[in-house]
Amino acid sequence: MSDVIAQIKEQIESNTVLLYMKGNPNQPQCGFSARTVSALMECGKRFAYVDILSNPEIRAQLPAYANWPTFPQLWVQGELVGGCDIITEMAENGELKTLIDAALPSED
């Protein structure tokens, strides 16, 4: 297993909610990443992210690892949830908040 794949696995395993995206949540570098970040932020929970533009090895390797060709990619509890279209649809019908709330219970 390559070092990059090991790094991807470690990132996914150590972050309950992880978004692989172009740019960062404050400055997304593509419309799909921006829409996905917006949907996630509406859930009101913290999430981790990896900027694939500043990590070209991950950008090159993740699609094969995930068997998902595009970015962004949202991972929750080690499972690939999907990309922008899926996340946007889940946000609209309430499934995304339910998923995120279940993965990240309130700390109060």
PDB file of N, CA and C in Angstrom:
ATOM      1  N   MET A   1       0.845  -1.191   0.000  1.00  0.00           N
ATOM      2  CA  MET A   1       0.000   0.000   0.000  1.00  0.00           C
ATOM      3  C   MET A   1       0.886   1.248   0.000  1.00  0.00           C
ATOM      4  N   SER A   2       0.545   2.200  -0.853  1.00  0.00           N
ATOM      5  CA  SER A   2       1.367   3.397  -0.951  1.00  0.00           C
ATOM      6  C   SER A   2       1.191   4.278   0.280  1.00  0.00           C
ATOM      7  N   ASP A   3       2.160   5.162   0.480  1.00  0.00           N
ATOM      8  CA  ASP A   3       2.087   6.102   1.598  1.00  0.00           C
ATOM      9  C   ASP A   3       0.860   7.003   1.481  1.00  0.00           C
ATOM     10  N   VAL A   4       0.515   7.371   0.248  1.00  0.00           N
ATOM     11  CA  VAL A   4      -0.622   8.266   0.051  1.00  0.00           C
ATOM     12  C   VAL A   4      -1.916   7.567   0.446  1.00  0.00           C
ATOM     13  N   ILE A   5      -2.070   6.311   0.029  1.00  0.00           N
ATOM     14  CA  ILE A   5      -3.271   5.550   0.406  1.00  0.00           C
ATOM     15  C   ILE A   5      -3.326   5.384   1.922  1.00  0.00           C
ATOM     16  N   ALA A   6      -2.198   5.128   2.543  1.00  0.00           N
ATOM     17  CA  ALA A   6      -2.151   5.016   4.001  1.00  0.00           C
ATOM     18  C   ALA A   6      -2.570   6.337   4.649  1.00  0.00           C
ATOM     19  N   GLN A   7      -2.131   7.449   4.081  1.00  0.00           N
ATOM     20  CA  GLN A   7      -2.489   8.764   4.597  1.00  0.00           C
ATOM     21  C   GLN A   7      -4.000   9.003   4.451  1.00  0.00           C
ATOM     22  N   ILE A   8      -4.554   8.651   3.308  1.00  0.00           N
ATOM     23  CA  ILE A   8      -5.998   8.798   3.078  1.00  0.00           C
ATOM     24  C   ILE A   8      -6.773   7.967   4.100  1.00  0.00           C
ATOM     25  N   LYS A   9      -6.365   6.708   4.272  1.00  0.00           N
ATOM     26  CA  LYS A   9      -7.054   5.831   5.238  1.00  0.00           C
ATOM     27  C   LYS A   9      -7.002   6.429   6.635  1.00  0.00           C
ATOM     28  N   GLU A  10      -5.848   6.953   7.012  1.00  0.00           N
ATOM     29  CA  GLU A  10      -5.676   7.538   8.342  1.00  0.00           C
ATOM     30  C   GLU A  10      -6.575   8.766   8.500  1.00  0.00           C
ATOM     31  N   GLN A  11      -6.653   9.599   7.471  1.00  0.00           N
ATOM     32  CA  GLN A  11      -7.509  10.786   7.529  1.00  0.00           C
ATOM     33  C   GLN A  11      -8.971  10.387   7.708  1.00  0.00           C
ATOM     34  N   ILE A  12      -9.411   9.404   6.941  1.00  0.00           N
ATOM     35  CA  ILE A  12     -10.809   8.972   6.988  1.00  0.00           C
ATOM     36  C   ILE A  12     -11.129   8.341   8.348  1.00  0.00           C
ATOM     37  N   GLU A  13     -10.186   7.550   8.862  1.00  0.00           N
ATOM     38  CA  GLU A  13     -10.419   6.867  10.139  1.00  0.00           C
ATOM     39  C   GLU A  13     -10.374   7.817  11.331  1.00  0.00           C
ATOM     40  N   SER A  14      -9.580   8.884  11.248  1.00  0.00           N
ATOM     41  CA  SER A  14      -9.407   9.747  12.421  1.00  0.00           C
ATOM     42  C   SER A  14     -10.337  10.963  12.423  1.00  0.00           C
ATOM     43  N   ASN A  15     -11.153  11.140  11.386  1.00  0.00           N
ATOM     44  CA  ASN A  15     -12.105  12.255  11.330  1.00  0.00           C
ATOM     45  C   ASN A  15     -13.504  11.707  11.084  1.00  0.00           C
ATOM     46  N   THR A  16     -14.396  11.938  12.038  1.00  0.00           N
ATOM     47  CA  THR A  16     -15.755  11.405  11.928  1.00  0.00           C
ATOM     48  C   THR A  16     -16.450  11.943  10.678  1.00  0.00           C
ATOM     49  N   VAL A  17     -16.307  13.252  10.456  1.00  0.00           N
ATOM     50  CA  VAL A  17     -16.883  13.881   9.264  1.00  0.00           C
ATOM     51  C   VAL A  17     -15.747  14.569   8.528  1.00  0.00           C
ATOM     52  N   LEU A  18     -15.483  14.117   7.314  1.00  0.00           N
ATOM     53  CA  LEU A  18     -14.330  14.602   6.544  1.00  0.00           C
ATOM     54  C   LEU A  18     -14.762  14.923   5.123  1.00  0.00           C
ATOM     55  N   LEU A  19     -14.402  16.118   4.683  1.00  0.00           N
ATOM     56  CA  LEU A  19     -14.712  16.549   3.332  1.00  0.00           C
ATOM     57  C   LEU A  19     -13.422  16.748   2.550  1.00  0.00           C
ATOM     58  N   TYR A  20     -13.282  16.005   1.466  1.00  0.00           N
ATOM     59  CA  TYR A  20     -12.200  16.260   0.512  1.00  0.00           C
ATOM     60  C   TYR A  20     -12.758  17.256  -0.489  1.00  0.00           C
ATOM     61  N   MET A  21     -12.112  18.423  -0.585  1.00  0.00           N
ATOM     62  CA  MET A  21     -12.675  19.501  -1.399  1.00  0.00           C
ATOM     63  C   MET A  21     -11.578  20.305  -2.082  1.00  0.00           C
ATOM     64  N   LYS A  22     -11.996  21.159  -2.991  1.00  0.00           N
ATOM     65  CA  LYS A  22     -11.081  22.101  -3.636  1.00  0.00           C
ATOM     66  C   LYS A  22     -11.143  23.405  -2.857  1.00  0.00           C
ATOM     67  N   GLY A  23     -10.015  23.770  -2.252  1.00  0.00           N
ATOM     68  CA  GLY A  23      -9.967  24.960  -1.415  1.00  0.00           C
ATOM     69  C   GLY A  23     -10.258  24.611   0.033  1.00  0.00           C
ATOM     70  N   ASN A  24     -10.786  25.587   0.791  1.00  0.00           N
ATOM     71  CA  ASN A  24     -11.138  25.351   2.183  1.00  0.00           C
ATOM     72  C   ASN A  24     -12.536  25.898   2.431  1.00  0.00           C
ATOM     73  N   PRO A  25     -13.141  25.554   3.574  1.00  0.00           N
ATOM     74  CA  PRO A  25     -14.529  25.960   3.799  1.00  0.00           C
ATOM     75  C   PRO A  25     -14.764  27.468   3.697  1.00  0.00           C
ATOM     76  N   ASN A  26     -13.759  28.264   4.038  1.00  0.00           N
ATOM     77  CA  ASN A  26     -13.926  29.719   3.954  1.00  0.00           C
ATOM     78  C   ASN A  26     -13.706  30.250   2.542  1.00  0.00           C
ATOM     79  N   GLN A  27     -12.959  29.512   1.735  1.00  0.00           N
ATOM     80  CA  GLN A  27     -12.681  29.919   0.358  1.00  0.00           C
ATOM     81  C   GLN A  27     -12.698  28.717  -0.566  1.00  0.00           C
ATOM     82  N   PRO A  28     -13.873  28.158  -0.818  1.00  0.00           N
ATOM     83  CA  PRO A  28     -13.937  27.028  -1.746  1.00  0.00           C
ATOM     84  C   PRO A  28     -13.458  27.466  -3.132  1.00  0.00           C
ATOM     85  N   GLN A  29     -12.794  26.549  -3.827  1.00  0.00           N
ATOM     86  CA  GLN A  29     -12.223  26.883  -5.131  1.00  0.00           C
ATOM     87  C   GLN A  29     -13.036  26.339  -6.298  1.00  0.00           C
ATOM     88  N   CYS A  30     -14.211  25.819  -6.025  1.00  0.00           N
ATOM     89  CA  CYS A  30     -15.115  25.442  -7.115  1.00  0.00           C
ATOM     90  C   CYS A  30     -16.546  25.479  -6.581  1.00  0.00           C
ATOM     91  N   GLY A  31     -17.490  25.617  -7.489  1.00  0.00           N
ATOM     92  CA  GLY A  31     -18.892  25.728  -7.105  1.00  0.00           C
ATOM     93  C   GLY A  31     -19.419  24.501  -6.388  1.00  0.00           C
ATOM     94  N   PHE A  32     -18.963  23.310  -6.826  1.00  0.00           N
ATOM     95  CA  PHE A  32     -19.428  22.074  -6.191  1.00  0.00           C
ATOM     96  C   PHE A  32     -18.960  22.016  -4.738  1.00  0.00           C
ATOM     97  N   SER A  33     -17.696  22.381  -4.501  1.00  0.00           N
ATOM     98  CA  SER A  33     -17.189  22.407  -3.129  1.00  0.00           C
ATOM     99  C   SER A  33     -17.939  23.449  -2.307  1.00  0.00           C
ATOM    100  N   ALA A  34     -18.221  24.605  -2.899  1.00  0.00           N
ATOM    101  CA  ALA A  34     -18.928  25.667  -2.186  1.00  0.00           C
ATOM    102  C   ALA A  34     -20.327  25.209  -1.761  1.00  0.00           C
ATOM    103  N   ARG A  35     -21.049  24.540  -2.668  1.00  0.00           N
ATOM    104  CA  ARG A  35     -22.402  24.071  -2.341  1.00  0.00           C
ATOM    105  C   ARG A  35     -22.359  23.001  -1.259  1.00  0.00           C
ATOM    106  N   THR A  36     -21.368  22.116  -1.337  1.00  0.00           N
ATOM    107  CA  THR A  36     -21.258  21.045  -0.350  1.00  0.00           C
ATOM    108  C   THR A  36     -20.927  21.620   1.025  1.00  0.00           C
ATOM    109  N   VAL A  37     -19.989  22.565   1.076  1.00  0.00           N
ATOM    110  CA  VAL A  37     -19.632  23.218   2.342  1.00  0.00           C
ATOM    111  C   VAL A  37     -20.849  23.910   2.937  1.00  0.00           C
ATOM    112  N   SER A  38     -21.602  24.610   2.105  1.00  0.00           N
ATOM    113  CA  SER A  38     -22.793  25.316   2.576  1.00  0.00           C
ATOM    114  C   SER A  38     -23.781  24.336   3.207  1.00  0.00           C
ATOM    115  N   ALA A  39     -24.026  23.217   2.550  1.00  0.00           N
ATOM    116  CA  ALA A  39     -24.942  22.202   3.080  1.00  0.00           C
ATOM    117  C   ALA A  39     -24.435  21.657   4.411  1.00  0.00           C
ATOM    118  N   LEU A  40     -23.127  21.405   4.496  1.00  0.00           N
ATOM    119  CA  LEU A  40     -22.547  20.884   5.741  1.00  0.00           C
ATOM    120  C   LEU A  40     -22.639  21.909   6.868  1.00  0.00           C
ATOM    121  N   MET A  41     -22.342  23.167   6.553  1.00  0.00           N
ATOM    122  CA  MET A  41     -22.367  24.202   7.586  1.00  0.00           C
ATOM    123  C   MET A  41     -23.772  24.384   8.150  1.00  0.00           C
ATOM    124  N   GLU A  42     -24.782  24.165   7.321  1.00  0.00           N
ATOM    125  CA  GLU A  42     -26.163  24.280   7.797  1.00  0.00           C
ATOM    126  C   GLU A  42     -26.475  23.226   8.853  1.00  0.00           C
ATOM    127  N   CYS A  43     -25.712  22.160   8.906  1.00  0.00           N
ATOM    128  CA  CYS A  43     -25.920  21.119   9.927  1.00  0.00           C
ATOM    129  C   CYS A  43     -25.423  21.584  11.292  1.00  0.00           C
ATOM    130  N   GLY A  44     -24.592  22.614  11.317  1.00  0.00           N
ATOM    131  CA  GLY A  44     -24.174  23.217  12.576  1.00  0.00           C
ATOM    132  C   GLY A  44     -23.127  22.447  13.359  1.00  0.00           C
ATOM    133  N   LYS A  45     -22.414  21.544  12.702  1.00  0.00           N
ATOM    134  CA  LYS A  45     -21.379  20.782  13.416  1.00  0.00           C
ATOM    135  C   LYS A  45     -20.028  21.028  12.745  1.00  0.00           C
ATOM    136  N   ARG A  46     -18.978  20.865  13.532  1.00  0.00           N
ATOM    137  CA  ARG A  46     -17.628  20.993  12.969  1.00  0.00           C
ATOM    138  C   ARG A  46     -17.333  19.791  12.079  1.00  0.00           C
ATOM    139  N   PHE A  47     -16.564  20.037  11.036  1.00  0.00           N
ATOM    140  CA  PHE A  47     -16.116  18.929  10.194  1.00  0.00           C
ATOM    141  C   PHE A  47     -14.687  19.195   9.737  1.00  0.00           C
ATOM    142  N   ALA A  48     -13.987  18.134   9.461  1.00  0.00           N
ATOM    143  CA  ALA A  48     -12.617  18.239   8.969  1.00  0.00           C
ATOM    144  C   ALA A  48     -12.658  18.330   7.450  1.00  0.00           C
ATOM    145  N   TYR A  49     -11.590  18.881   6.885  1.00  0.00           N
ATOM    146  CA  TYR A  49     -11.503  18.930   5.427  1.00  0.00           C
ATOM    147  C   TYR A  49     -10.062  18.748   4.989  1.00  0.00           C
ATOM    148  N   VAL A  50      -9.901  18.332   3.752  1.00  0.00           N
ATOM    149  CA  VAL A  50      -8.588  18.252   3.117  1.00  0.00           C
ATOM    150  C   VAL A  50      -8.712  18.996   1.794  1.00  0.00           C
ATOM    151  N   ASP A  51      -7.831  19.966   1.588  1.00  0.00           N
ATOM    152  CA  ASP A  51      -7.792  20.714   0.327  1.00  0.00           C
ATOM    153  C   ASP A  51      -6.992  19.891  -0.677  1.00  0.00           C
ATOM    154  N   ILE A  52      -7.686  19.326  -1.657  1.00  0.00           N
ATOM    155  CA  ILE A  52      -6.988  18.473  -2.620  1.00  0.00           C
ATOM    156  C   ILE A  52      -6.122  19.282  -3.577  1.00  0.00           C
ATOM    157  N   LEU A  53      -6.371  20.578  -3.697  1.00  0.00           N
ATOM    158  CA  LEU A  53      -5.529  21.402  -4.571  1.00  0.00           C
ATOM    159  C   LEU A  53      -4.125  21.555  -3.992  1.00  0.00           C
ATOM    160  N   SER A  54      -4.022  21.576  -2.661  1.00  0.00           N
ATOM    161  CA  SER A  54      -2.696  21.676  -2.049  1.00  0.00           C
ATOM    162  C   SER A  54      -2.138  20.293  -1.690  1.00  0.00           C
ATOM    163  N   ASN A  55      -2.874  19.237  -2.043  1.00  0.00           N
ATOM    164  CA  ASN A  55      -2.432  17.852  -1.815  1.00  0.00           C
ATOM    165  C   ASN A  55      -2.613  17.050  -3.111  1.00  0.00           C
ATOM    166  N   PRO A  56      -1.776  17.331  -4.125  1.00  0.00           N
ATOM    167  CA  PRO A  56      -1.989  16.696  -5.434  1.00  0.00           C
ATOM    168  C   PRO A  56      -1.899  15.168  -5.404  1.00  0.00           C
ATOM    169  N   GLU A  57      -1.118  14.603  -4.470  1.00  0.00           N
ATOM    170  CA  GLU A  57      -1.029  13.139  -4.398  1.00  0.00           C
ATOM    171  C   GLU A  57      -2.373  12.562  -3.973  1.00  0.00           C
ATOM    172  N   ILE A  58      -3.008  13.205  -2.996  1.00  0.00           N
ATOM    173  CA  ILE A  58      -4.323  12.741  -2.554  1.00  0.00           C
ATOM    174  C   ILE A  58      -5.334  12.932  -3.676  1.00  0.00           C
ATOM    175  N   ARG A  59      -5.254  14.072  -4.361  1.00  0.00           N
ATOM    176  CA  ARG A  59      -6.168  14.326  -5.473  1.00  0.00           C
ATOM    177  C   ARG A  59      -6.051  13.236  -6.539  1.00  0.00           C
ATOM    178  N   ALA A  60      -4.829  12.761  -6.751  1.00  0.00           N
ATOM    179  CA  ALA A  60      -4.593  11.735  -7.772  1.00  0.00           C
ATOM    180  C   ALA A  60      -5.051  10.346  -7.307  1.00  0.00           C
ATOM    181  N   GLN A  61      -4.869  10.027  -6.033  1.00  0.00           N
ATOM    182  CA  GLN A  61      -5.101   8.676  -5.528  1.00  0.00           C
ATOM    183  C   GLN A  61      -6.510   8.429  -4.994  1.00  0.00           C
ATOM    184  N   LEU A  62      -7.142   9.463  -4.420  1.00  0.00           N
ATOM    185  CA  LEU A  62      -8.421   9.250  -3.746  1.00  0.00           C
ATOM    186  C   LEU A  62      -9.518   8.700  -4.660  1.00  0.00           C
ATOM    187  N   PRO A  63      -9.671   9.202  -5.902  1.00  0.00           N
ATOM    188  CA  PRO A  63     -10.757   8.650  -6.733  1.00  0.00           C
ATOM    189  C   PRO A  63     -10.686   7.127  -6.889  1.00  0.00           C
ATOM    190  N   ALA A  64      -9.489   6.584  -7.037  1.00  0.00           N
ATOM    191  CA  ALA A  64      -9.346   5.129  -7.158  1.00  0.00           C
ATOM    192  C   ALA A  64      -9.645   4.445  -5.833  1.00  0.00           C
ATOM    193  N   TYR A  65      -9.146   5.020  -4.737  1.00  0.00           N
ATOM    194  CA  TYR A  65      -9.381   4.439  -3.417  1.00  0.00           C
ATOM    195  C   TYR A  65     -10.875   4.423  -3.104  1.00  0.00           C
ATOM    196  N   ALA A  66     -11.539   5.546  -3.392  1.00  0.00           N
ATOM    197  CA  ALA A  66     -12.949   5.690  -3.041  1.00  0.00           C
ATOM    198  C   ALA A  66     -13.869   5.067  -4.082  1.00  0.00           C
ATOM    199  N   ASN A  67     -13.323   4.772  -5.258  1.00  0.00           N
ATOM    200  CA  ASN A  67     -14.136   4.339  -6.391  1.00  0.00           C
ATOM    201  C   ASN A  67     -15.202   5.404  -6.696  1.00  0.00           C
ATOM    202  N   TRP A  68     -14.776   6.660  -6.616  1.00  0.00           N
ATOM    203  CA  TRP A  68     -15.645   7.822  -6.849  1.00  0.00           C
ATOM    204  C   TRP A  68     -14.796   8.843  -7.596  1.00  0.00           C
ATOM    205  N   PRO A  69     -15.148   9.187  -8.829  1.00  0.00           N
ATOM    206  CA  PRO A  69     -14.220   9.932  -9.689  1.00  0.00           C
ATOM    207  C   PRO A  69     -14.099  11.424  -9.422  1.00  0.00           C
ATOM    208  N   THR A  70     -15.028  12.017  -8.694  1.00  0.00           N
ATOM    209  CA  THR A  70     -15.065  13.478  -8.621  1.00  0.00           C
ATOM    210  C   THR A  70     -14.895  14.005  -7.202  1.00  0.00           C
ATOM    211  N   PHE A  71     -14.701  15.298  -7.118  1.00  0.00           N
ATOM    212  CA  PHE A  71     -14.622  16.012  -5.843  1.00  0.00           C
ATOM    213  C   PHE A  71     -15.704  17.075  -5.844  1.00  0.00           C
ATOM    214  N   PRO A  72     -16.210  17.458  -4.685  1.00  0.00           N
ATOM    215  CA  PRO A  72     -15.821  17.014  -3.348  1.00  0.00           C
ATOM    216  C   PRO A  72     -16.321  15.604  -3.029  1.00  0.00           C
ATOM    217  N   GLN A  73     -15.751  15.063  -1.959  1.00  0.00           N
ATOM    218  CA  GLN A  73     -16.188  13.774  -1.432  1.00  0.00           C
ATOM    219  C   GLN A  73     -16.408  13.941   0.064  1.00  0.00           C
ATOM    220  N   LEU A  74     -17.595  13.554   0.526  1.00  0.00           N
ATOM    221  CA  LEU A  74     -17.894  13.602   1.954  1.00  0.00           C
ATOM    222  C   LEU A  74     -17.838  12.200   2.540  1.00  0.00           C
ATOM    223  N   TRP A  75     -17.052  12.063   3.594  1.00  0.00           N
ATOM    224  CA  TRP A  75     -16.922  10.795   4.313  1.00  0.00           C
ATOM    225  C   TRP A  75     -17.463  10.991   5.718  1.00  0.00           C
ATOM    226  N   VAL A  76     -18.324  10.088   6.157  1.00  0.00           N
ATOM    227  CA  VAL A  76     -18.872  10.135   7.515  1.00  0.00           C
ATOM    228  C   VAL A  76     -18.677   8.762   8.146  1.00  0.00           C
ATOM    229  N   GLN A  77     -18.012   8.751   9.285  1.00  0.00           N
ATOM    230  CA  GLN A  77     -17.734   7.517  10.034  1.00  0.00           C
ATOM    231  C   GLN A  77     -17.115   6.451   9.126  1.00  0.00           C
ATOM    232  N   GLY A  78     -16.147   6.874   8.320  1.00  0.00           N
ATOM    233  CA  GLY A  78     -15.399   5.928   7.496  1.00  0.00           C
ATOM    234  C   GLY A  78     -16.083   5.495   6.216  1.00  0.00           C
ATOM    235  N   GLU A  79     -17.278   6.013   5.953  1.00  0.00           N
ATOM    236  CA  GLU A  79     -18.026   5.621   4.748  1.00  0.00           C
ATOM    237  C   GLU A  79     -18.144   6.815   3.807  1.00  0.00           C
ATOM    238  N   LEU A  80     -17.957   6.567   2.530  1.00  0.00           N
ATOM    239  CA  LEU A  80     -18.174   7.607   1.533  1.00  0.00           C
ATOM    240  C   LEU A  80     -19.666   7.861   1.386  1.00  0.00           C
ATOM    241  N   VAL A  81     -20.090   9.082   1.647  1.00  0.00           N
ATOM    242  CA  VAL A  81     -21.497   9.450   1.494  1.00  0.00           C
ATOM    243  C   VAL A  81     -21.764   9.829   0.043  1.00  0.00           C
ATOM    244  N   GLY A  82     -20.876  10.633  -0.534  1.00  0.00           N
ATOM    245  CA  GLY A  82     -21.033  11.015  -1.929  1.00  0.00           C
ATOM    246  C   GLY A  82     -20.474  12.388  -2.211  1.00  0.00           C
ATOM    247  N   GLY A  83     -20.879  12.919  -3.357  1.00  0.00           N
ATOM    248  CA  GLY A  83     -20.396  14.214  -3.807  1.00  0.00           C
ATOM    249  C   GLY A  83     -21.470  15.273  -3.712  1.00  0.00           C
ATOM    250  N   CYS A  84     -21.261  16.351  -4.429  1.00  0.00           N
ATOM    251  CA  CYS A  84     -22.107  17.537  -4.326  1.00  0.00           C
ATOM    252  C   CYS A  84     -23.587  17.244  -4.548  1.00  0.00           C
ATOM    253  N   ASP A  85     -23.943  16.550  -5.619  1.00  0.00           N
ATOM    254  CA  ASP A  85     -25.362  16.320  -5.920  1.00  0.00           C
ATOM    255  C   ASP A  85     -26.046  15.542  -4.806  1.00  0.00           C
ATOM    256  N   ILE A  86     -25.390  14.487  -4.336  1.00  0.00           N
ATOM    257  CA  ILE A  86     -25.961  13.656  -3.272  1.00  0.00           C
ATOM    258  C   ILE A  86     -26.087  14.465  -1.981  1.00  0.00           C
ATOM    259  N   ILE A  87     -25.039  15.211  -1.633  1.00  0.00           N
ATOM    260  CA  ILE A  87     -25.044  15.984  -0.391  1.00  0.00           C
ATOM    261  C   ILE A  87     -26.114  17.068  -0.446  1.00  0.00           C
ATOM    262  N   THR A  88     -26.231  17.754  -1.588  1.00  0.00           N
ATOM    263  CA  THR A  88     -27.234  18.809  -1.736  1.00  0.00           C
ATOM    264  C   THR A  88     -28.638  18.230  -1.593  1.00  0.00           C
ATOM    265  N   GLU A  89     -28.873  17.104  -2.235  1.00  0.00           N
ATOM    266  CA  GLU A  89     -30.185  16.450  -2.147  1.00  0.00           C
ATOM    267  C   GLU A  89     -30.472  16.018  -0.707  1.00  0.00           C
ATOM    268  N   MET A  90     -29.467  15.434  -0.044  1.00  0.00           N
ATOM    269  CA  MET A  90     -29.652  15.009   1.352  1.00  0.00           C
ATOM    270  C   MET A  90     -29.923  16.210   2.261  1.00  0.00           C
ATOM    271  N   ALA A  91     -29.270  17.341   1.979  1.00  0.00           N
ATOM    272  CA  ALA A  91     -29.486  18.543   2.788  1.00  0.00           C
ATOM    273  C   ALA A  91     -30.917  19.036   2.605  1.00  0.00           C
ATOM    274  N   GLU A  92     -31.408  18.992   1.366  1.00  0.00           N
ATOM    275  CA  GLU A  92     -32.755  19.491   1.083  1.00  0.00           C
ATOM    276  C   GLU A  92     -33.833  18.645   1.751  1.00  0.00           C
ATOM    277  N   ASN A  93     -33.618  17.326   1.847  1.00  0.00           N
ATOM    278  CA  ASN A  93     -34.666  16.488   2.433  1.00  0.00           C
ATOM    279  C   ASN A  93     -34.414  16.154   3.914  1.00  0.00           C
ATOM    280  N   GLY A  94     -33.386  16.768   4.501  1.00  0.00           N
ATOM    281  CA  GLY A  94     -33.146  16.606   5.930  1.00  0.00           C
ATOM    282  C   GLY A  94     -32.262  15.428   6.310  1.00  0.00           C
ATOM    283  N   GLU A  95     -31.920  14.580   5.338  1.00  0.00           N
ATOM    284  CA  GLU A  95     -31.120  13.389   5.656  1.00  0.00           C
ATOM    285  C   GLU A  95     -29.701  13.749   6.101  1.00  0.00           C
ATOM    286  N   LEU A  96     -29.142  14.812   5.537  1.00  0.00           N
ATOM    287  CA  LEU A  96     -27.757  15.158   5.867  1.00  0.00           C
ATOM    288  C   LEU A  96     -27.637  15.538   7.335  1.00  0.00           C
ATOM    289  N   LYS A  97     -28.538  16.396   7.812  1.00  0.00           N
ATOM    290  CA  LYS A  97     -28.483  16.804   9.225  1.00  0.00           C
ATOM    291  C   LYS A  97     -28.667  15.595  10.132  1.00  0.00           C
ATOM    292  N   THR A  98     -29.575  14.713   9.789  1.00  0.00           N
ATOM    293  CA  THR A  98     -29.793  13.496  10.578  1.00  0.00           C
ATOM    294  C   THR A  98     -28.514  12.669  10.638  1.00  0.00           C
ATOM    295  N   LEU A  99     -27.865  12.506   9.487  1.00  0.00           N
ATOM    296  CA  LEU A  99     -26.622  11.730   9.409  1.00  0.00           C
ATOM    297  C   LEU A  99     -25.520  12.376  10.241  1.00  0.00           C
ATOM    298  N   ILE A 100     -25.340  13.684  10.076  1.00  0.00           N
ATOM    299  CA  ILE A 100     -24.278  14.402  10.802  1.00  0.00           C
ATOM    300  C   ILE A 100     -24.560  14.409  12.295  1.00  0.00           C
ATOM    301  N   ASP A 101     -25.828  14.638  12.696  1.00  0.00           N
ATOM    302  CA  ASP A 101     -26.178  14.642  14.114  1.00  0.00           C
ATOM    303  C   ASP A 101     -25.927  13.278  14.754  1.00  0.00           C
ATOM    304  N   ALA A 102     -26.212  12.218  14.008  1.00  0.00           N
ATOM    305  CA  ALA A 102     -25.979  10.866  14.531  1.00  0.00           C
ATOM    306  C   ALA A 102     -24.483  10.597  14.671  1.00  0.00           C
ATOM    307  N   ALA A 103     -23.684  11.094  13.719  1.00  0.00           N
ATOM    308  CA  ALA A 103     -22.236  10.868  13.743  1.00  0.00           C
ATOM    309  C   ALA A 103     -21.546  11.714  14.811  1.00  0.00           C
ATOM    310  N   LEU A 104     -22.093  12.919  15.033  1.00  0.00           N
ATOM    311  CA  LEU A 104     -21.486  13.871  15.971  1.00  0.00           C
ATOM    312  C   LEU A 104     -22.529  14.315  16.993  1.00  0.00           C
ATOM    313  N   PRO A 105     -22.786  13.484  18.007  1.00  0.00           N
ATOM    314  CA  PRO A 105     -23.789  13.854  19.016  1.00  0.00           C
ATOM    315  C   PRO A 105     -23.373  15.161  19.726  1.00  0.00           C
ATOM    316  N   SER A 106     -24.350  15.877  20.206  1.00  0.00           N
ATOM    317  CA  SER A 106     -24.085  17.128  20.919  1.00  0.00           C
ATOM    318  C   SER A 106     -23.203  16.860  22.127  1.00  0.00           C
ATOM    319  N   GLU A 107     -22.392  17.874  22.448  1.00  0.00           N
ATOM    320  CA  GLU A 107     -21.466  17.710  23.570  1.00  0.00           C
ATOM    321  C   GLU A 107     -22.053  18.242  24.866  1.00  0.00           C
ATOM    322  N   ASP A 108     -23.344  18.609  24.872  1.00  0.00           N
ATOM    323  CA  ASP A 108     -23.902  19.154  26.109  1.00  0.00           C
ATOM    324  C   ASP A 108     -24.599  18.084  26.942  1.00  0.00           C
TER     325      ASP A 108
END
